[in-house]
C-alpha atoms as a PDB file:
ATOM      1  CA  MET A   1     -13.925 -15.932  -9.167  1.00  0.00           C
ATOM      2  CA  THR A   2     -15.596 -13.094  -7.265  1.00  0.00           C
ATOM      3  CA  ASP A   3     -14.105 -10.028  -5.597  1.00  0.00           C
ATOM      4  CA  THR A   4     -14.421 -11.558  -2.139  1.00  0.00           C
ATOM      5  CA  GLN A   5     -11.679 -13.021  -0.018  1.00  0.00           C
ATOM      6  CA  ASN A   6     -11.769 -15.264   3.008  1.00  0.00           C
ATOM      7  CA  MET A   7      -8.987 -16.403   5.302  1.00  0.00           C
ATOM      8  CA  ILE A   8      -9.286 -19.164   7.852  1.00  0.00           C
ATOM      9  CA  LEU A   9      -6.367 -19.575  10.257  1.00  0.00           C
ATOM     10  CA  GLN A  10      -6.573 -22.590  12.540  1.00  0.00           C
ATOM     11  CA  ASN A  11      -4.259 -22.688  15.574  1.00  0.00           C
ATOM     12  CA  ARG A  12      -1.636 -20.707  13.596  1.00  0.00           C
ATOM     13  CA  ALA A  13      -0.796 -24.015  11.867  1.00  0.00           C
ATOM     14  CA  SER A  14      -3.141 -24.127   8.880  1.00  0.00           C
ATOM     15  CA  LEU A  15      -4.198 -21.195   6.682  1.00  0.00           C
ATOM     16  CA  SER A  16      -6.772 -21.282   3.885  1.00  0.00           C
ATOM     17  CA  VAL A  17      -7.056 -18.248   1.597  1.00  0.00           C
ATOM     18  CA  THR A  18      -9.626 -17.653  -1.152  1.00  0.00           C
ATOM     19  CA  GLY A  19      -9.620 -14.902  -3.749  1.00  0.00           C
ATOM     20  CA  VAL A  20      -6.001 -15.619  -4.769  1.00  0.00           C
ATOM     21  CA  THR A  21      -5.100 -14.669  -8.344  1.00  0.00           C
ATOM     22  CA  GLU A  22      -1.339 -15.379  -8.296  1.00  0.00           C
ATOM     23  CA  VAL A  23       1.363 -16.832  -6.057  1.00  0.00           C
ATOM     24  CA  CYS A  24       4.454 -14.677  -6.611  1.00  0.00           C
ATOM     25  CA  GLY A  25       6.934 -16.676  -4.566  1.00  0.00           C
ATOM     26  CA  PHE A  26       7.391 -18.827  -1.522  1.00  0.00           C
ATOM     27  CA  ASP A  27       9.952 -20.476   0.710  1.00  0.00           C
ATOM     28  CA  ASP A  28       9.814 -21.940   4.204  1.00  0.00           C
ATOM     29  CA  THR A  29       9.481 -18.491   5.866  1.00  0.00           C
ATOM     30  CA  ASN A  30       7.412 -16.415   3.376  1.00  0.00           C
ATOM     31  CA  VAL A  31       4.560 -16.891   0.944  1.00  0.00           C
ATOM     32  CA  SER A  32       3.704 -13.888  -1.240  1.00  0.00           C
ATOM     33  CA  MET A  33       0.532 -13.786  -3.287  1.00  0.00           C
ATOM     34  CA  VAL A  34      -1.811 -11.439  -5.107  1.00  0.00           C
ATOM     35  CA  THR A  35      -5.430 -11.521  -3.985  1.00  0.00           C
ATOM     36  CA  VAL A  36      -8.546  -9.711  -5.126  1.00  0.00           C
ATOM     37  CA  LEU A  37      -8.104  -7.353  -2.145  1.00  0.00           C
ATOM     38  CA  GLY A  38      -4.366  -6.672  -2.577  1.00  0.00           C
ATOM     39  CA  ASP A  39      -0.948  -8.238  -2.200  1.00  0.00           C
ATOM     40  CA  LEU A  40      -0.667 -10.563   0.792  1.00  0.00           C
ATOM     41  CA  LEU A  41       2.524 -11.678   2.534  1.00  0.00           C
ATOM     42  CA  VAL A  42       2.370 -14.628   4.942  1.00  0.00           C
ATOM     43  CA  LYS A  43       5.376 -14.932   7.275  1.00  0.00           C
ATOM     44  CA  GLY A  44       6.218 -17.862   9.497  1.00  0.00           C
ATOM     45  CA  LYS A  45       8.295 -20.983   9.964  1.00  0.00           C
ATOM     46  CA  SER A  46       8.280 -24.288   8.071  1.00  0.00           C
ATOM     47  CA  LEU A  47       5.668 -22.934   5.655  1.00  0.00           C
ATOM     48  CA  ARG A  48       4.585 -25.064   2.734  1.00  0.00           C
ATOM     49  CA  ILE A  49       1.789 -24.823   0.220  1.00  0.00           C
ATOM     50  CA  SER A  50      -0.307 -27.937   0.717  1.00  0.00           C
ATOM     51  CA  ARG A  51      -2.909 -27.072  -1.933  1.00  0.00           C
ATOM     52  CA  LEU A  52      -2.912 -24.575  -4.787  1.00  0.00           C
ATOM     53  CA  SER A  53      -5.905 -24.148  -7.064  1.00  0.00           C
ATOM     54  CA  LEU A  54      -5.639 -20.875  -8.967  1.00  0.00           C
ATOM     55  CA  ASP A  55      -8.534 -21.742 -11.271  1.00  0.00           C
ATOM     56  CA  VAL A  56     -10.841 -21.240  -8.262  1.00  0.00           C
ATOM     57  CA  GLY A  57      -8.446 -18.911  -6.391  1.00  0.00           C
ATOM     58  CA  GLU A  58      -7.659 -21.040  -3.343  1.00  0.00           C
ATOM     59  CA  VAL A  59      -4.406 -21.670  -1.474  1.00  0.00           C
ATOM     60  CA  ASP A  60      -3.832 -23.765   1.648  1.00  0.00           C
ATOM     61  CA  ILE A  61      -0.653 -23.226   3.663  1.00  0.00           C
ATOM     62  CA  GLU A  62       0.661 -25.358   6.516  1.00  0.00           C
ATOM     63  CA  GLY A  63       3.363 -24.503   9.047  1.00  0.00           C
ATOM     64  CA  THR A  64       3.654 -21.932  11.834  1.00  0.00           C
ATOM     65  CA  VAL A  65       2.059 -18.649  10.754  1.00  0.00           C
ATOM     66  CA  ASP A  66       3.580 -15.624  12.494  1.00  0.00           C
ATOM     67  CA  SER A  67       1.949 -12.807  10.526  1.00  0.00           C
ATOM     68  CA  LEU A  68      -0.385 -11.894   7.673  1.00  0.00           C
ATOM     69  CA  GLU A  69       0.381  -8.584   6.003  1.00  0.00           C
ATOM     70  CA  TYR A  70      -1.142  -6.761   3.076  1.00  0.00           C
ATOM     71  CA  THR A  71       1.782  -5.155   1.296  1.00  0.00           C
ATOM     72  CA  LYS A  72       3.013  -3.903  -2.030  1.00  0.00           C
ATOM     73  CA  LEU A  73       5.067  -6.737  -3.497  1.00  0.00           C
ATOM     74  CA  ARG A  74       8.016  -5.889  -5.691  1.00  0.00           C
ATOM     75  CA  ARG A  75       7.162  -7.790  -8.823  1.00  0.00           C
ATOM     76  CA  LYS A  76       9.450  -7.473 -11.778  1.00  0.00           C
ATOM     77  CA  ARG A  77       7.562  -5.893 -14.658  1.00  0.00           C
ATOM     78  CA  GLU A  78       8.609  -4.725 -18.062  1.00  0.00           C
ATOM     79  CA  SER A  79       8.680  -1.000 -18.624  1.00  0.00           C
ATOM     80  CA  PHE A  80       6.125   0.604 -20.889  1.00  0.00           C
ATOM     81  CA  LEU A  81       8.755   1.226 -23.584  1.00  0.00           C
ATOM     82  CA  ALA A  82       9.966  -2.379 -23.489  1.00  0.00           C
ATOM     83  CA  ARG A  83       6.412  -3.579 -24.141  1.00  0.00           C
ATOM     84  CA  VAL A  84       5.881  -1.079 -26.980  1.00  0.00           C
ATOM     85  CA  PHE A  85       9.086  -1.990 -28.830  1.00  0.00           C
ATOM     86  CA  LYS A  86       8.684  -5.792 -28.741  1.00  0.00           C
END
């Protein structure tokens, strides 16, 4: 996978994203993911992941897309000390 990212939004009903390294969570109103350019939050209605291929870094989402926002996602991570004392 390269450090490039593309997004194709068709009629606010179909979104294709490349450069995805991780999908952190999703429900019918939000899809949060990590991309090569930062954390991306997709908001909308009736959202569903129709295709997920992390080996090539691609995600397709269907539903009504209301917004695309690069944000800092709150991912749960172990503290430095917890990792040291495993």
